[in-house]
């Protein structure tokens, strides 16, 4: 199971940190990711990180502003979001790819087999 938290209402330029707590068979997780979905739009990739070790990945819209990190001791993945813009407004979802489901890719929502419930981020101008 994945439990996302940390969303809220902030002003443009502010920072916010989202947290995703994983429970259950965390040993089977290969990749953890964050996606976001604005009203009427597709669920878009934001960032991803290998559960054990390796490079992080970011959407162009997140590069330089967002940082994804993990705390394996706490089974948690964080998304630090700085310099927030109104266009960052969306429901943010954390997701995981298990070893049985992993195809070698991590960019599309269909490549993830576990999802959290989503947390709303609203950035006012």
Protein backbone atom coordinates (compact mmCIF):
# COMPACT_ATOMS: atom_id res chain seq x y z
CA UNK A 1 0.00 0.00 0.00
CA UNK A 2 1.03 3.58 -0.67
CA UNK A 3 -0.08 6.56 1.37
CA UNK A 4 0.58 10.03 -0.03
CA UNK A 5 0.44 13.16 2.08
CA UNK A 6 1.70 16.72 2.26
CA UNK A 7 -0.44 18.52 -0.27
CA UNK A 8 -1.99 21.89 0.38
CA UNK A 9 -2.67 25.40 -0.80
CA UNK A 10 0.40 27.56 -1.34
CA UNK A 11 1.32 30.71 -3.21
CA UNK A 12 3.44 30.91 -6.32
CA UNK A 13 7.12 30.72 -5.41
CA UNK A 14 6.50 28.70 -2.26
CA UNK A 15 7.82 25.24 -1.47
CA UNK A 16 6.02 22.07 -0.49
CA UNK A 17 7.17 18.54 0.33
CA UNK A 18 5.06 15.53 -0.49
CA UNK A 19 5.57 12.23 1.27
CA UNK A 20 4.69 8.71 0.19
CA UNK A 21 4.79 5.94 2.78
CA UNK A 22 4.98 2.38 1.48
CA UNK A 23 3.83 -0.63 3.46
CA UNK A 24 3.46 -4.33 2.87
CA UNK A 25 5.84 -6.12 0.49
CA UNK A 26 8.22 -3.20 0.09
CA UNK A 27 11.06 -5.60 -0.74
CA UNK A 28 9.44 -6.18 -4.14
CA UNK A 29 9.49 -2.49 -5.12
CA UNK A 30 11.83 -1.60 -7.99
CA UNK A 31 10.88 2.00 -8.81
CA UNK A 32 8.90 4.66 -6.96
CA UNK A 33 7.41 7.53 -8.90
CA UNK A 34 5.31 10.66 -8.62
CA UNK A 35 2.66 11.60 -11.14
CA UNK A 36 0.21 14.46 -11.26
CA UNK A 37 -3.16 15.00 -12.83
CA UNK A 38 -4.83 18.33 -13.42
CA UNK A 39 -8.59 18.52 -14.08
CA UNK A 40 -9.42 17.29 -17.56
CA UNK A 41 -5.85 16.23 -18.29
CA UNK A 42 -3.89 13.01 -18.38
CA UNK A 43 -1.88 11.68 -15.47
CA UNK A 44 1.62 12.93 -16.19
CA UNK A 45 5.01 11.73 -14.98
CA UNK A 46 6.82 14.03 -12.54
CA UNK A 47 9.75 12.11 -11.08
CA UNK A 48 11.00 8.62 -10.29
CA UNK A 49 13.66 6.99 -8.17
CA UNK A 50 14.91 3.43 -7.87
CA UNK A 51 13.92 1.89 -4.56
CA UNK A 52 17.39 0.59 -3.79
CA UNK A 53 20.00 2.66 -5.59
CA UNK A 54 20.49 4.53 -8.83
CA UNK A 55 19.76 7.74 -10.68
CA UNK A 56 16.67 9.84 -10.35
CA UNK A 57 14.49 10.87 -13.27
CA UNK A 58 12.48 14.04 -13.81
CA UNK A 59 10.00 15.44 -16.23
CA UNK A 60 11.22 18.59 -17.95
CA UNK A 61 8.67 20.59 -15.98
CA UNK A 62 10.20 19.37 -12.71
CA UNK A 63 13.90 19.64 -13.49
CA UNK A 64 15.69 22.20 -11.37
CA UNK A 65 12.67 22.77 -9.10
CA UNK A 66 11.66 19.35 -7.75
CA UNK A 67 13.77 16.77 -5.95
CA UNK A 68 12.78 13.17 -5.35
CA UNK A 69 14.46 11.24 -2.56
CA UNK A 70 13.93 8.09 -0.54
CA UNK A 71 14.37 6.97 3.03
CA UNK A 72 14.49 3.19 2.91
CA UNK A 73 14.62 2.91 6.69
CA UNK A 74 11.21 4.60 6.83
CA UNK A 75 9.93 3.10 3.54
CA UNK A 76 9.22 6.64 2.39
CA UNK A 77 9.74 8.64 -0.79
CA UNK A 78 9.68 12.42 -0.71
CA UNK A 79 9.07 14.98 -3.42
CA UNK A 80 10.49 18.37 -2.51
CA UNK A 81 8.89 21.01 -4.71
CA UNK A 82 10.39 24.50 -4.85
CA UNK A 83 9.47 27.63 -6.80
CA UNK A 84 5.96 26.34 -7.30
CA UNK A 85 3.90 27.77 -10.15
CA UNK A 86 0.13 27.89 -10.70
CA UNK A 87 0.57 25.32 -13.48
CA UNK A 88 1.83 22.85 -10.86
CA UNK A 89 -1.70 22.70 -9.48
CA UNK A 90 -2.89 19.09 -9.66
CA UNK A 91 -3.58 15.97 -7.68
CA UNK A 92 -0.24 14.31 -7.05
CA UNK A 93 -0.04 10.52 -6.92
CA UNK A 94 2.77 8.32 -5.76
CA UNK A 95 3.20 4.99 -7.48
CA UNK A 96 5.37 1.90 -7.32
CA UNK A 97 6.57 -0.73 -9.75
CA UNK A 98 7.02 -4.19 -8.31
CA UNK A 99 9.61 -6.64 -9.53
CA UNK A 100 6.91 -8.81 -11.12
CA UNK A 101 5.60 -5.86 -13.15
CA UNK A 102 8.78 -3.98 -14.02
CA UNK A 103 9.39 -3.71 -17.76
CA UNK A 104 12.55 -1.63 -17.63
CA UNK A 105 10.69 1.66 -18.07
CA UNK A 106 9.18 4.08 -15.59
CA UNK A 107 7.76 7.03 -17.56
CA UNK A 108 4.15 6.07 -18.15
CA UNK A 109 1.41 5.56 -15.60
CA UNK A 110 0.55 2.12 -17.01
CA UNK A 111 4.02 0.94 -16.10
CA UNK A 112 3.21 1.20 -12.38
CA UNK A 113 1.17 -1.43 -10.59
CA UNK A 114 0.58 0.20 -7.19
CA UNK A 115 -0.89 3.64 -6.55
CA UNK A 116 -1.51 5.88 -3.60
CA UNK A 117 -4.72 7.82 -3.14
CA UNK A 118 -3.44 11.21 -4.32
CA UNK A 119 -2.89 14.50 -2.55
CA UNK A 120 -4.09 17.87 -3.84
CA UNK A 121 -1.57 20.62 -4.51
CA UNK A 122 -2.99 24.04 -5.31
CA UNK A 123 -0.71 26.94 -6.20
CA UNK A 124 -2.29 30.38 -6.25
CA UNK A 125 -0.87 33.23 -8.30
